[in-house]
Amino acid sequence: MNNTKTTKKEKQFLLQVSKSCYAEYVADEWSVSDYVCEHDYNMKEARGLITSLQNKNIIEIDTTHGKCSKGHAMVVVSINPDFIDYNNCTILGEVA
């Protein structure tokens, strides 16, 4: 189990990513991802959380997807497999 500490807001963000209709707990793909865009996320908050979670090596991002259907900028956030419990479909890590 990974014991990296996350803040309450970081944990909530990770749970939102993991509960997305696009997220799948598929061990073969080694990630759980979501398209992060203004119509599903508070982007002012998400930008800071994404930076913090990247610095902790909890997520990776992909900015090559351009814009979402409503024309907003979009980034794909993938949760590092070390922070995923595939057997129980949940996020690991302690909340600080």
Protein backbone atom coordinates (compact mmCIF):
# COMPACT_ATOMS: atom_id res chain seq x y z
CA MET A 1 0.00 0.00 0.00
CA ASN A 2 1.21 3.48 -0.83
CA ASN A 3 1.34 5.80 2.19
CA THR A 4 1.90 9.10 0.40
CA LYS A 5 -0.17 11.74 2.15
CA THR A 6 -2.77 13.73 0.26
CA THR A 7 -4.88 16.65 1.36
CA LYS A 8 -8.63 16.27 1.68
CA LYS A 9 -9.13 18.26 -1.54
CA GLU A 10 -6.54 16.15 -3.40
CA LYS A 11 -8.30 12.97 -2.27
CA GLN A 12 -11.67 14.38 -3.39
CA PHE A 13 -10.18 15.26 -6.79
CA LEU A 14 -8.71 11.77 -7.17
CA LEU A 15 -12.05 10.23 -6.23
CA GLN A 16 -13.82 12.43 -8.79
CA VAL A 17 -11.35 11.26 -11.45
CA SER A 18 -11.79 7.63 -10.40
CA LYS A 19 -15.61 7.83 -10.40
CA SER A 20 -15.83 9.40 -13.85
CA CYS A 21 -17.84 7.60 -16.50
CA TYR A 22 -14.54 7.44 -18.44
CA ALA A 23 -12.58 5.84 -15.61
CA GLU A 24 -12.02 2.11 -15.69
CA TYR A 25 -10.16 0.00 -13.18
CA VAL A 26 -8.37 -2.10 -15.76
CA ALA A 27 -5.03 -3.41 -14.55
CA ASP A 28 -3.90 -4.10 -18.13
CA GLU A 29 -3.94 -0.38 -18.91
CA TRP A 30 -2.18 0.52 -15.65
CA SER A 31 -4.15 3.69 -15.03
CA VAL A 32 -7.45 5.23 -14.14
CA SER A 33 -7.99 8.42 -16.12
CA ASP A 34 -10.48 11.19 -16.74
CA TYR A 35 -10.81 14.10 -19.13
CA VAL A 36 -10.56 17.18 -16.88
CA CYS A 37 -12.46 20.08 -18.39
CA GLU A 38 -14.42 23.12 -17.18
CA HIS A 39 -17.86 21.56 -17.57
CA ASP A 40 -17.06 18.77 -15.05
CA TYR A 41 -14.42 20.35 -12.79
CA ASN A 42 -13.77 23.63 -11.01
CA MET A 43 -10.70 24.47 -13.09
CA LYS A 44 -9.36 27.17 -10.74
CA GLU A 45 -9.15 24.51 -8.05
CA ALA A 46 -8.20 21.67 -10.41
CA ARG A 47 -5.11 23.44 -11.77
CA GLY A 48 -3.57 23.71 -8.30
CA LEU A 49 -4.52 20.15 -7.38
CA ILE A 50 -3.09 18.80 -10.63
CA THR A 51 0.24 20.56 -10.00
CA SER A 52 0.41 19.32 -6.41
CA LEU A 53 -0.49 15.73 -7.34
CA GLN A 54 2.04 15.75 -10.20
CA ASN A 55 4.74 16.90 -7.77
CA LYS A 56 3.86 13.94 -5.52
CA ASN A 57 3.99 11.57 -8.54
CA ILE A 58 0.40 10.52 -7.93
CA ILE A 59 -0.86 11.55 -11.37
CA GLU A 60 0.38 12.06 -14.90
CA ILE A 61 -1.24 14.41 -17.39
CA ASP A 62 -1.67 14.41 -21.15
CA THR A 63 -2.44 17.74 -22.82
CA THR A 64 -2.55 16.46 -26.40
CA HIS A 65 -6.34 16.05 -26.49
CA GLY A 66 -7.05 19.71 -27.23
CA LYS A 67 -10.54 20.86 -26.34
CA CYS A 68 -13.63 19.15 -24.97
CA SER A 69 -17.01 19.17 -26.70
CA LYS A 70 -17.89 22.62 -25.32
CA GLY A 71 -14.65 24.13 -26.61
CA HIS A 72 -12.93 24.38 -23.24
CA ALA A 73 -9.27 23.43 -22.79
CA MET A 74 -8.92 19.83 -21.63
CA VAL A 75 -6.27 17.69 -19.95
CA VAL A 76 -6.33 13.94 -19.33
CA VAL A 77 -5.38 13.05 -15.76
CA SER A 78 -4.16 9.49 -15.14
CA ILE A 79 -3.71 8.18 -11.61
CA ASN A 80 -0.45 6.32 -11.02
CA PRO A 81 -1.21 2.59 -10.58
CA ASP A 82 0.69 2.57 -7.26
CA PHE A 83 -2.22 4.59 -5.85
CA ILE A 84 -4.98 2.30 -7.11
CA ASP A 85 -6.43 -0.76 -5.41
CA TYR A 86 -7.71 -2.64 -8.47
CA ASN A 87 -9.27 -5.40 -6.36
CA ASN A 88 -11.50 -2.96 -4.48
CA CYS A 89 -11.77 -0.23 -7.15
CA THR A 90 -10.54 2.53 -4.88
CA ILE A 91 -7.74 5.04 -4.34
CA LEU A 92 -4.91 4.31 -1.90
CA GLY A 93 -2.98 6.78 0.24
CA GLU A 94 -3.52 8.51 3.53
CA VAL A 95 -5.18 11.89 3.93
CA ALA A 96 -2.96 14.35 5.77
